[in-house]
Amino acid sequence: MHRFYKYLYWDENIPEKKRDRIKWRLKVSRRNLPCYVLALNEGSDQLDIYNSLVLLQSYFRKNPRFIVGIAADYAGAAKIVQQIAAECYAENGDADLKKYLAERIE
């Protein structure tokens, strides 16, 4: 089961009333209207952008992701990454997104 960031970033193109349903469907690995998901990379990279349908594969059921943002399309996902990077740079003066997101949880 995928985990979600406490301060989940949402694309402005996703209506407020559909957000809980999208989040629930991602959590229980049910087919949903395709959207794009920003997840922390488990390696040395910062963030990964996945199509939500890719997360239905058995690999991702066995290896769940930590989701930090959800967007309606790829352009929206890229915009969220820019927003996170800008916030990180303004606060820390660098682009270590993993560290920035972890500090916001505490």
PDB file of N, CA and C in Angstrom:
ATOM      1  N   MET A   1       0.840  -1.168   0.000  1.00  0.00           N
ATOM      2  CA  MET A   1       0.000   0.000   0.000  1.00  0.00           C
ATOM      3  C   MET A   1       0.890   1.238   0.000  1.00  0.00           C
ATOM      4  N   HIS A   2       0.633   2.117  -0.947  1.00  0.00           N
ATOM      5  CA  HIS A   2       1.430   3.336  -1.052  1.00  0.00           C
ATOM      6  C   HIS A   2       1.180   4.248   0.151  1.00  0.00           C
ATOM      7  N   ARG A   3       2.223   4.977   0.512  1.00  0.00           N
ATOM      8  CA  ARG A   3       2.092   5.956   1.593  1.00  0.00           C
ATOM      9  C   ARG A   3       2.047   7.350   0.968  1.00  0.00           C
ATOM     10  N   PHE A   4       1.445   8.275   1.687  1.00  0.00           N
ATOM     11  CA  PHE A   4       1.277   9.624   1.166  1.00  0.00           C
ATOM     12  C   PHE A   4       1.939  10.641   2.084  1.00  0.00           C
ATOM     13  N   TYR A   5       2.490  11.656   1.464  1.00  0.00           N
ATOM     14  CA  TYR A   5       3.123  12.772   2.157  1.00  0.00           C
ATOM     15  C   TYR A   5       2.064  13.540   2.950  1.00  0.00           C
ATOM     16  N   LYS A   6       2.430  13.980   4.129  1.00  0.00           N
ATOM     17  CA  LYS A   6       1.491  14.697   4.990  1.00  0.00           C
ATOM     18  C   LYS A   6       0.971  15.963   4.311  1.00  0.00           C
ATOM     19  N   TYR A   7       1.824  16.664   3.595  1.00  0.00           N
ATOM     20  CA  TYR A   7       1.457  17.894   2.892  1.00  0.00           C
ATOM     21  C   TYR A   7       1.440  17.620   1.386  1.00  0.00           C
ATOM     22  N   LEU A   8       0.585  16.717   0.971  1.00  0.00           N
ATOM     23  CA  LEU A   8       0.519  16.253  -0.408  1.00  0.00           C
ATOM     24  C   LEU A   8       0.296  17.426  -1.367  1.00  0.00           C
ATOM     25  N   TYR A   9       1.104  17.476  -2.434  1.00  0.00           N
ATOM     26  CA  TYR A   9       0.963  18.503  -3.458  1.00  0.00           C
ATOM     27  C   TYR A   9      -0.060  18.030  -4.489  1.00  0.00           C
ATOM     28  N   TRP A  10      -0.990  18.908  -4.844  1.00  0.00           N
ATOM     29  CA  TRP A  10      -2.035  18.592  -5.823  1.00  0.00           C
ATOM     30  C   TRP A  10      -1.938  19.560  -6.993  1.00  0.00           C
ATOM     31  N   ASP A  11      -2.193  19.030  -8.180  1.00  0.00           N
ATOM     32  CA  ASP A  11      -2.293  19.841  -9.383  1.00  0.00           C
ATOM     33  C   ASP A  11      -3.588  20.647  -9.310  1.00  0.00           C
ATOM     34  N   GLU A  12      -3.544  21.870  -9.752  1.00  0.00           N
ATOM     35  CA  GLU A  12      -4.735  22.717  -9.714  1.00  0.00           C
ATOM     36  C   GLU A  12      -5.826  22.242 -10.668  1.00  0.00           C
ATOM     37  N   ASN A  13      -5.487  21.362 -11.616  1.00  0.00           N
ATOM     38  CA  ASN A  13      -6.468  20.849 -12.571  1.00  0.00           C
ATOM     39  C   ASN A  13      -7.282  19.681 -12.027  1.00  0.00           C
ATOM     40  N   ILE A  14      -6.975  19.208 -10.845  1.00  0.00           N
ATOM     41  CA  ILE A  14      -7.749  18.133 -10.224  1.00  0.00           C
ATOM     42  C   ILE A  14      -8.750  18.777  -9.275  1.00  0.00           C
ATOM     43  N   PRO A  15     -10.049  18.572  -9.525  1.00  0.00           N
ATOM     44  CA  PRO A  15     -11.064  19.195  -8.663  1.00  0.00           C
ATOM     45  C   PRO A  15     -10.963  18.709  -7.222  1.00  0.00           C
ATOM     46  N   GLU A  16     -11.275  19.593  -6.316  1.00  0.00           N
ATOM     47  CA  GLU A  16     -11.200  19.301  -4.878  1.00  0.00           C
ATOM     48  C   GLU A  16     -12.049  18.085  -4.496  1.00  0.00           C
ATOM     49  N   LYS A  17     -13.214  17.955  -5.093  1.00  0.00           N
ATOM     50  CA  LYS A  17     -14.123  16.873  -4.704  1.00  0.00           C
ATOM     51  C   LYS A  17     -13.666  15.498  -5.181  1.00  0.00           C
ATOM     52  N   LYS A  18     -12.738  15.423  -6.146  1.00  0.00           N
ATOM     53  CA  LYS A  18     -12.246  14.133  -6.644  1.00  0.00           C
ATOM     54  C   LYS A  18     -10.962  13.673  -5.957  1.00  0.00           C
ATOM     55  N   ARG A  19     -10.368  14.518  -5.176  1.00  0.00           N
ATOM     56  CA  ARG A  19      -9.053  14.221  -4.606  1.00  0.00           C
ATOM     57  C   ARG A  19      -9.066  13.045  -3.639  1.00  0.00           C
ATOM     58  N   ASP A  20     -10.038  12.975  -2.760  1.00  0.00           N
ATOM     59  CA  ASP A  20     -10.087  11.870  -1.806  1.00  0.00           C
ATOM     60  C   ASP A  20     -10.264  10.535  -2.519  1.00  0.00           C
ATOM     61  N   ARG A  21     -11.087  10.512  -3.551  1.00  0.00           N
ATOM     62  CA  ARG A  21     -11.317   9.272  -4.295  1.00  0.00           C
ATOM     63  C   ARG A  21     -10.051   8.824  -5.039  1.00  0.00           C
ATOM     64  N   ILE A  22      -9.364   9.764  -5.655  1.00  0.00           N
ATOM     65  CA  ILE A  22      -8.114   9.439  -6.358  1.00  0.00           C
ATOM     66  C   ILE A  22      -7.093   8.889  -5.369  1.00  0.00           C
ATOM     67  N   LYS A  23      -6.970   9.542  -4.234  1.00  0.00           N
ATOM     68  CA  LYS A  23      -6.013   9.104  -3.213  1.00  0.00           C
ATOM     69  C   LYS A  23      -6.362   7.703  -2.712  1.00  0.00           C
ATOM     70  N   TRP A  24      -7.647   7.445  -2.466  1.00  0.00           N
ATOM     71  CA  TRP A  24      -8.071   6.125  -2.003  1.00  0.00           C
ATOM     72  C   TRP A  24      -7.774   5.053  -3.043  1.00  0.00           C
ATOM     73  N   ARG A  25      -8.057   5.333  -4.314  1.00  0.00           N
ATOM     74  CA  ARG A  25      -7.813   4.352  -5.376  1.00  0.00           C
ATOM     75  C   ARG A  25      -6.320   4.059  -5.531  1.00  0.00           C
ATOM     76  N   LEU A  26      -5.481   5.070  -5.362  1.00  0.00           N
ATOM     77  CA  LEU A  26      -4.038   4.831  -5.411  1.00  0.00           C
ATOM     78  C   LEU A  26      -3.593   3.992  -4.217  1.00  0.00           C
ATOM     79  N   LYS A  27      -4.181   4.246  -3.070  1.00  0.00           N
ATOM     80  CA  LYS A  27      -3.793   3.534  -1.857  1.00  0.00           C
ATOM     81  C   LYS A  27      -4.120   2.049  -1.943  1.00  0.00           C
ATOM     82  N   VAL A  28      -5.268   1.696  -2.508  1.00  0.00           N
ATOM     83  CA  VAL A  28      -5.689   0.291  -2.566  1.00  0.00           C
ATOM     84  C   VAL A  28      -5.398  -0.352  -3.919  1.00  0.00           C
ATOM     85  N   SER A  29      -4.669   0.347  -4.783  1.00  0.00           N
ATOM     86  CA  SER A  29      -4.268  -0.162  -6.098  1.00  0.00           C
ATOM     87  C   SER A  29      -5.463  -0.553  -6.962  1.00  0.00           C
ATOM     88  N   ARG A  30      -6.409   0.339  -7.066  1.00  0.00           N
ATOM     89  CA  ARG A  30      -7.552   0.142  -7.952  1.00  0.00           C
ATOM     90  C   ARG A  30      -7.368   0.988  -9.195  1.00  0.00           C
ATOM     91  N   ARG A  31      -7.918   0.511 -10.305  1.00  0.00           N
ATOM     92  CA  ARG A  31      -7.839   1.261 -11.560  1.00  0.00           C
ATOM     93  C   ARG A  31      -8.567   2.590 -11.399  1.00  0.00           C
ATOM     94  N   ASN A  32      -7.966   3.620 -11.912  1.00  0.00           N
ATOM     95  CA  ASN A  32      -8.488   4.967 -11.778  1.00  0.00           C
ATOM     96  C   ASN A  32      -8.303   5.681 -13.110  1.00  0.00           C
ATOM     97  N   LEU A  33      -8.904   6.825 -13.262  1.00  0.00           N
ATOM     98  CA  LEU A  33      -8.578   7.647 -14.408  1.00  0.00           C
ATOM     99  C   LEU A  33      -7.093   7.963 -14.334  1.00  0.00           C
ATOM    100  N   PRO A  34      -6.396   7.870 -15.450  1.00  0.00           N
ATOM    101  CA  PRO A  34      -4.945   8.092 -15.396  1.00  0.00           C
ATOM    102  C   PRO A  34      -4.594   9.488 -14.873  1.00  0.00           C
ATOM    103  N   CYS A  35      -3.644   9.515 -13.982  1.00  0.00           N
ATOM    104  CA  CYS A  35      -3.079  10.763 -13.495  1.00  0.00           C
ATOM    105  C   CYS A  35      -1.583  10.516 -13.333  1.00  0.00           C
ATOM    106  N   TYR A  36      -0.850  11.511 -12.945  1.00  0.00           N
ATOM    107  CA  TYR A  36       0.590  11.364 -12.746  1.00  0.00           C
ATOM    108  C   TYR A  36       0.918  11.566 -11.281  1.00  0.00           C
ATOM    109  N   VAL A  37       1.828  10.736 -10.804  1.00  0.00           N
ATOM    110  CA  VAL A  37       2.164  10.691  -9.392  1.00  0.00           C
ATOM    111  C   VAL A  37       3.641  11.021  -9.218  1.00  0.00           C
ATOM    112  N   LEU A  38       3.948  11.898  -8.276  1.00  0.00           N
ATOM    113  CA  LEU A  38       5.331  12.204  -7.922  1.00  0.00           C
ATOM    114  C   LEU A  38       5.669  11.408  -6.678  1.00  0.00           C
ATOM    115  N   ALA A  39       6.722  10.614  -6.762  1.00  0.00           N
ATOM    116  CA  ALA A  39       7.121   9.767  -5.642  1.00  0.00           C
ATOM    117  C   ALA A  39       8.604   9.947  -5.371  1.00  0.00           C
ATOM    118  N   LEU A  40       8.973   9.771  -4.112  1.00  0.00           N
ATOM    119  CA  LEU A  40      10.396   9.819  -3.759  1.00  0.00           C
ATOM    120  C   LEU A  40      11.111   8.640  -4.388  1.00  0.00           C
ATOM    121  N   ASN A  41      12.271   8.916  -4.932  1.00  0.00           N
ATOM    122  CA  ASN A  41      13.086   7.865  -5.514  1.00  0.00           C
ATOM    123  C   ASN A  41      13.834   7.159  -4.400  1.00  0.00           C
ATOM    124  N   GLU A  42      13.935   5.849  -4.504  1.00  0.00           N
ATOM    125  CA  GLU A  42      14.622   5.086  -3.464  1.00  0.00           C
ATOM    126  C   GLU A  42      16.137   5.095  -3.642  1.00  0.00           C
ATOM    127  N   GLY A  43      16.602   5.539  -4.797  1.00  0.00           N
ATOM    128  CA  GLY A  43      18.031   5.610  -5.053  1.00  0.00           C
ATOM    129  C   GLY A  43      18.569   6.996  -4.773  1.00  0.00           C
ATOM    130  N   SER A  44      19.518   7.423  -5.583  1.00  0.00           N
ATOM    131  CA  SER A  44      20.164   8.707  -5.362  1.00  0.00           C
ATOM    132  C   SER A  44      19.430   9.864  -6.031  1.00  0.00           C
ATOM    133  N   ASP A  45      18.515   9.568  -6.949  1.00  0.00           N
ATOM    134  CA  ASP A  45      17.748  10.634  -7.589  1.00  0.00           C
ATOM    135  C   ASP A  45      16.773  11.241  -6.590  1.00  0.00           C
ATOM    136  N   GLN A  46      16.133  12.313  -6.987  1.00  0.00           N
ATOM    137  CA  GLN A  46      15.244  13.038  -6.088  1.00  0.00           C
ATOM    138  C   GLN A  46      13.808  12.522  -6.155  1.00  0.00           C
ATOM    139  N   LEU A  47      13.131  12.764  -7.289  1.00  0.00           N
ATOM    140  CA  LEU A  47      11.730  12.401  -7.447  1.00  0.00           C
ATOM    141  C   LEU A  47      11.522  11.640  -8.750  1.00  0.00           C
ATOM    142  N   ASP A  48      10.540  10.760  -8.748  1.00  0.00           N
ATOM    143  CA  ASP A  48      10.125  10.050  -9.949  1.00  0.00           C
ATOM    144  C   ASP A  48       8.719  10.496 -10.302  1.00  0.00           C
ATOM    145  N   ILE A  49       8.428  10.533 -11.601  1.00  0.00           N
ATOM    146  CA  ILE A  49       7.076  10.815 -12.062  1.00  0.00           C
ATOM    147  C   ILE A  49       6.561   9.544 -12.726  1.00  0.00           C
ATOM    148  N   TYR A  50       5.451   9.026 -12.197  1.00  0.00           N
ATOM    149  CA  TYR A  50       4.839   7.804 -12.716  1.00  0.00           C
ATOM    150  C   TYR A  50       3.434   8.099 -13.219  1.00  0.00           C
ATOM    151  N   ASN A  51       3.051   7.405 -14.277  1.00  0.00           N
ATOM    152  CA  ASN A  51       1.644   7.365 -14.646  1.00  0.00           C
ATOM    153  C   ASN A  51       0.975   6.463 -13.618  1.00  0.00           C
ATOM    154  N   SER A  52      -0.190   6.824 -13.144  1.00  0.00           N
ATOM    155  CA  SER A  52      -0.833   6.058 -12.070  1.00  0.00           C
ATOM    156  C   SER A  52      -1.138   4.621 -12.483  1.00  0.00           C
ATOM    157  N   LEU A  53      -1.313   4.377 -13.782  1.00  0.00           N
ATOM    158  CA  LEU A  53      -1.600   3.014 -14.235  1.00  0.00           C
ATOM    159  C   LEU A  53      -0.385   2.105 -14.077  1.00  0.00           C
ATOM    160  N   VAL A  54       0.818   2.670 -14.102  1.00  0.00           N
ATOM    161  CA  VAL A  54       2.041   1.884 -13.899  1.00  0.00           C
ATOM    162  C   VAL A  54       2.080   1.333 -12.473  1.00  0.00           C
ATOM    163  N   LEU A  55       1.529   2.086 -11.527  1.00  0.00           N
ATOM    164  CA  LEU A  55       1.552   1.660 -10.125  1.00  0.00           C
ATOM    165  C   LEU A  55       0.661   0.452  -9.857  1.00  0.00           C
ATOM    166  N   LEU A  56      -0.143   0.040 -10.834  1.00  0.00           N
ATOM    167  CA  LEU A  56      -0.988  -1.149 -10.674  1.00  0.00           C
ATOM    168  C   LEU A  56      -0.204  -2.445 -10.892  1.00  0.00           C
ATOM    169  N   GLN A  57       0.997  -2.356 -11.425  1.00  0.00           N
ATOM    170  CA  GLN A  57       1.804  -3.546 -11.671  1.00  0.00           C
ATOM    171  C   GLN A  57       2.183  -4.209 -10.358  1.00  0.00           C
ATOM    172  N   SER A  58       2.366  -5.511 -10.412  1.00  0.00           N
ATOM    173  CA  SER A  58       2.642  -6.274  -9.189  1.00  0.00           C
ATOM    174  C   SER A  58       3.926  -5.807  -8.496  1.00  0.00           C
ATOM    175  N   TYR A  59       4.916  -5.336  -9.250  1.00  0.00           N
ATOM    176  CA  TYR A  59       6.156  -4.854  -8.647  1.00  0.00           C
ATOM    177  C   TYR A  59       5.873  -3.731  -7.648  1.00  0.00           C
ATOM    178  N   PHE A  60       5.004  -2.803  -8.029  1.00  0.00           N
ATOM    179  CA  PHE A  60       4.719  -1.660  -7.163  1.00  0.00           C
ATOM    180  C   PHE A  60       3.791  -2.028  -6.012  1.00  0.00           C
ATOM    181  N   ARG A  61       3.062  -3.118  -6.139  1.00  0.00           N
ATOM    182  CA  ARG A  61       2.278  -3.600  -5.000  1.00  0.00           C
ATOM    183  C   ARG A  61       3.206  -4.179  -3.938  1.00  0.00           C
ATOM    184  N   LYS A  62       4.280  -4.823  -4.386  1.00  0.00           N
ATOM    185  CA  LYS A  62       5.247  -5.402  -3.455  1.00  0.00           C
ATOM    186  C   LYS A  62       6.237  -4.355  -2.943  1.00  0.00           C
ATOM    187  N   ASN A  63       6.454  -3.308  -3.736  1.00  0.00           N
ATOM    188  CA  ASN A  63       7.390  -2.235  -3.395  1.00  0.00           C
ATOM    189  C   ASN A  63       6.668  -0.897  -3.478  1.00  0.00           C
ATOM    190  N   PRO A  64       5.859  -0.573  -2.474  1.00  0.00           N
ATOM    191  CA  PRO A  64       5.069   0.660  -2.542  1.00  0.00           C
ATOM    192  C   PRO A  64       5.940   1.906  -2.518  1.00  0.00           C
ATOM    193  N   ARG A  65       5.405   2.966  -3.043  1.00  0.00           N
ATOM    194  CA  ARG A  65       6.101   4.242  -3.132  1.00  0.00           C
ATOM    195  C   ARG A  65       5.571   5.230  -2.103  1.00  0.00           C
ATOM    196  N   PHE A  66       6.400   6.219  -1.799  1.00  0.00           N
ATOM    197  CA  PHE A  66       6.001   7.327  -0.939  1.00  0.00           C
ATOM    198  C   PHE A  66       5.624   8.475  -1.866  1.00  0.00           C
ATOM    199  N   ILE A  67       4.336   8.766  -1.963  1.00  0.00           N
ATOM    200  CA  ILE A  67       3.809   9.728  -2.927  1.00  0.00           C
ATOM    201  C   ILE A  67       3.774  11.121  -2.298  1.00  0.00           C
ATOM    202  N   VAL A  68       4.360  12.104  -3.025  1.00  0.00           N
ATOM    203  CA  VAL A  68       4.394  13.474  -2.517  1.00  0.00           C
ATOM    204  C   VAL A  68       3.525  14.421  -3.333  1.00  0.00           C
ATOM    205  N   GLY A  69       3.083  13.996  -4.512  1.00  0.00           N
ATOM    206  CA  GLY A  69       2.257  14.878  -5.332  1.00  0.00           C
ATOM    207  C   GLY A  69       1.460  14.110  -6.361  1.00  0.00           C
ATOM    208  N   ILE A  70       0.315  14.685  -6.756  1.00  0.00           N
ATOM    209  CA  ILE A  70      -0.554  14.071  -7.756  1.00  0.00           C
ATOM    210  C   ILE A  70      -0.973  15.156  -8.734  1.00  0.00           C
ATOM    211  N   ALA A  71      -0.850  14.849 -10.038  1.00  0.00           N
ATOM    212  CA  ALA A  71      -1.187  15.816 -11.079  1.00  0.00           C
ATOM    213  C   ALA A  71      -2.076  15.161 -12.130  1.00  0.00           C
ATOM    214  N   ALA A  72      -2.821  15.976 -12.849  1.00  0.00           N
ATOM    215  CA  ALA A  72      -3.723  15.481 -13.877  1.00  0.00           C
ATOM    216  C   ALA A  72      -2.967  15.040 -15.126  1.00  0.00           C
ATOM    217  N   ASP A  73      -1.857  15.692 -15.433  1.00  0.00           N
ATOM    218  CA  ASP A  73      -1.087  15.346 -16.628  1.00  0.00           C
ATOM    219  C   ASP A  73       0.403  15.557 -16.345  1.00  0.00           C
ATOM    220  N   TYR A  74       1.229  15.198 -17.325  1.00  0.00           N
ATOM    221  CA  TYR A  74       2.668  15.281 -17.127  1.00  0.00           C
ATOM    222  C   TYR A  74       3.131  16.727 -16.922  1.00  0.00           C
ATOM    223  N   ALA A  75       2.524  17.655 -17.660  1.00  0.00           N
ATOM    224  CA  ALA A  75       2.889  19.065 -17.509  1.00  0.00           C
ATOM    225  C   ALA A  75       2.583  19.553 -16.088  1.00  0.00           C
ATOM    226  N   GLY A  76       1.472  19.115 -15.543  1.00  0.00           N
ATOM    227  CA  GLY A  76       1.127  19.474 -14.168  1.00  0.00           C
ATOM    228  C   GLY A  76       2.111  18.884 -13.180  1.00  0.00           C
ATOM    229  N   ALA A  77       2.566  17.653 -13.439  1.00  0.00           N
ATOM    230  CA  ALA A  77       3.564  17.020 -12.567  1.00  0.00           C
ATOM    231  C   ALA A  77       4.883  17.790 -12.615  1.00  0.00           C
ATOM    232  N   ALA A  78       5.281  18.213 -13.811  1.00  0.00           N
ATOM    233  CA  ALA A  78       6.516  18.996 -13.946  1.00  0.00           C
ATOM    234  C   ALA A  78       6.393  20.327 -13.216  1.00  0.00           C
ATOM    235  N   LYS A  79       5.201  20.918 -13.252  1.00  0.00           N
ATOM    236  CA  LYS A  79       4.966  22.184 -12.556  1.00  0.00           C
ATOM    237  C   LYS A  79       5.079  22.008 -11.041  1.00  0.00           C
ATOM    238  N   ILE A  80       4.598  20.877 -10.530  1.00  0.00           N
ATOM    239  CA  ILE A  80       4.714  20.602  -9.098  1.00  0.00           C
ATOM    240  C   ILE A  80       6.181  20.425  -8.703  1.00  0.00           C
ATOM    241  N   VAL A  81       6.952  19.737  -9.546  1.00  0.00           N
ATOM    242  CA  VAL A  81       8.386  19.572  -9.271  1.00  0.00           C
ATOM    243  C   VAL A  81       9.064  20.941  -9.224  1.00  0.00           C
ATOM    244  N   GLN A  82       8.709  21.834 -10.147  1.00  0.00           N
ATOM    245  CA  GLN A  82       9.266  23.190 -10.137  1.00  0.00           C
ATOM    246  C   GLN A  82       8.889  23.926  -8.855  1.00  0.00           C
ATOM    247  N   GLN A  83       7.646  23.756  -8.431  1.00  0.00           N
ATOM    248  CA  GLN A  83       7.178  24.415  -7.209  1.00  0.00           C
ATOM    249  C   GLN A  83       7.951  23.910  -5.990  1.00  0.00           C
ATOM    250  N   ILE A  84       8.133  22.606  -5.893  1.00  0.00           N
ATOM    251  CA  ILE A  84       8.876  22.029  -4.762  1.00  0.00           C
ATOM    252  C   ILE A  84      10.327  22.505  -4.787  1.00  0.00           C
ATOM    253  N   ALA A  85      10.935  22.518  -5.984  1.00  0.00           N
ATOM    254  CA  ALA A  85      12.329  22.960  -6.102  1.00  0.00           C
ATOM    255  C   ALA A  85      12.471  24.431  -5.715  1.00  0.00           C
ATOM    256  N   ALA A  86      11.518  25.258  -6.117  1.00  0.00           N
ATOM    257  CA  ALA A  86      11.572  26.677  -5.772  1.00  0.00           C
ATOM    258  C   ALA A  86      11.433  26.878  -4.267  1.00  0.00           C
ATOM    259  N   GLU A  87      10.516  26.142  -3.635  1.00  0.00           N
ATOM    260  CA  GLU A  87      10.357  26.230  -2.177  1.00  0.00           C
ATOM    261  C   GLU A  87      11.625  25.774  -1.466  1.00  0.00           C
ATOM    262  N   CYS A  88      12.205  24.690  -1.962  1.00  0.00           N
ATOM    263  CA  CYS A  88      13.427  24.140  -1.359  1.00  0.00           C
ATOM    264  C   CYS A  88      14.573  25.143  -1.474  1.00  0.00           C
ATOM    265  N   TYR A  89      14.726  25.738  -2.654  1.00  0.00           N
ATOM    266  CA  TYR A  89      15.814  26.687  -2.857  1.00  0.00           C
ATOM    267  C   TYR A  89      15.623  27.939  -2.001  1.00  0.00           C
ATOM    268  N   ALA A  90      14.380  28.390  -1.895  1.00  0.00           N
ATOM    269  CA  ALA A  90      14.107  29.593  -1.094  1.00  0.00           C
ATOM    270  C   ALA A  90      14.398  29.352   0.382  1.00  0.00           C
ATOM    271  N   GLU A  91      14.121  28.147   0.863  1.00  0.00           N
ATOM    272  CA  GLU A  91      14.311  27.868   2.282  1.00  0.00           C
ATOM    273  C   GLU A  91      15.734  27.432   2.626  1.00  0.00           C
ATOM    274  N   ASN A  92      16.330  26.561   1.789  1.00  0.00           N
ATOM    275  CA  ASN A  92      17.631  25.974   2.127  1.00  0.00           C
ATOM    276  C   ASN A  92      18.785  26.462   1.267  1.00  0.00           C
ATOM    277  N   GLY A  93      18.497  27.057   0.132  1.00  0.00           N
ATOM    278  CA  GLY A  93      19.569  27.514  -0.748  1.00  0.00           C
ATOM    279  C   GLY A  93      20.178  26.409  -1.577  1.00  0.00           C
ATOM    280  N   ASP A  94      19.546  25.245  -1.629  1.00  0.00           N
ATOM    281  CA  ASP A  94      20.032  24.149  -2.465  1.00  0.00           C
ATOM    282  C   ASP A  94      18.827  23.434  -3.086  1.00  0.00           C
ATOM    283  N   ALA A  95      19.094  22.342  -3.779  1.00  0.00           N
ATOM    284  CA  ALA A  95      18.016  21.618  -4.453  1.00  0.00           C
ATOM    285  C   ALA A  95      17.913  20.180  -3.942  1.00  0.00           C
ATOM    286  N   ASP A  96      18.186  19.956  -2.681  1.00  0.00           N
ATOM    287  CA  ASP A  96      18.055  18.623  -2.102  1.00  0.00           C
ATOM    288  C   ASP A  96      16.589  18.427  -1.689  1.00  0.00           C
ATOM    289  N   LEU A  97      15.793  17.969  -2.651  1.00  0.00           N
ATOM    290  CA  LEU A  97      14.351  17.871  -2.435  1.00  0.00           C
ATOM    291  C   LEU A  97      13.984  16.836  -1.381  1.00  0.00           C
ATOM    292  N   LYS A  98      14.695  15.733  -1.354  1.00  0.00           N
ATOM    293  CA  LYS A  98      14.405  14.695  -0.345  1.00  0.00           C
ATOM    294  C   LYS A  98      14.578  15.241   1.066  1.00  0.00           C
ATOM    295  N   LYS A  99      15.674  15.945   1.282  1.00  0.00           N
ATOM    296  CA  LYS A  99      15.948  16.519   2.599  1.00  0.00           C
ATOM    297  C   LYS A  99      14.887  17.558   2.959  1.00  0.00           C
ATOM    298  N   TYR A 100      14.537  18.397   2.005  1.00  0.00           N
ATOM    299  CA  TYR A 100      13.531  19.440   2.239  1.00  0.00           C
ATOM    300  C   TYR A 100      12.181  18.826   2.612  1.00  0.00           C
ATOM    301  N   LEU A 101      11.744  17.812   1.878  1.00  0.00           N
ATOM    302  CA  LEU A 101      10.457  17.180   2.150  1.00  0.00           C
ATOM    303  C   LEU A 101      10.476  16.454   3.493  1.00  0.00           C
ATOM    304  N   ALA A 102      11.609  15.843   3.838  1.00  0.00           N
ATOM    305  CA  ALA A 102      11.719  15.149   5.134  1.00  0.00           C
ATOM    306  C   ALA A 102      11.683  16.148   6.287  1.00  0.00           C
ATOM    307  N   GLU A 103      12.284  17.311   6.123  1.00  0.00           N
ATOM    308  CA  GLU A 103      12.283  18.325   7.173  1.00  0.00           C
ATOM    309  C   GLU A 103      10.884  18.885   7.418  1.00  0.00           C
ATOM    310  N   ARG A 104      10.067  18.945   6.378  1.00  0.00           N
ATOM    311  CA  ARG A 104       8.712  19.479   6.535  1.00  0.00           C
ATOM    312  C   ARG A 104       7.826  18.535   7.325  1.00  0.00           C
ATOM    313  N   ILE A 105       8.136  17.256   7.343  1.00  0.00           N
ATOM    314  CA  ILE A 105       7.336  16.284   8.092  1.00  0.00           C
ATOM    315  C   ILE A 105       7.540  16.473   9.586  1.00  0.00           C
ATOM    316  N   GLU A 106       8.750  16.768   9.982  1.00  0.00           N
ATOM    317  CA  GLU A 106       9.081  16.885  11.413  1.00  0.00           C
ATOM    318  C   GLU A 106       8.509  18.114  12.048  1.00  0.00           C
TER     319      GLU A 106
END
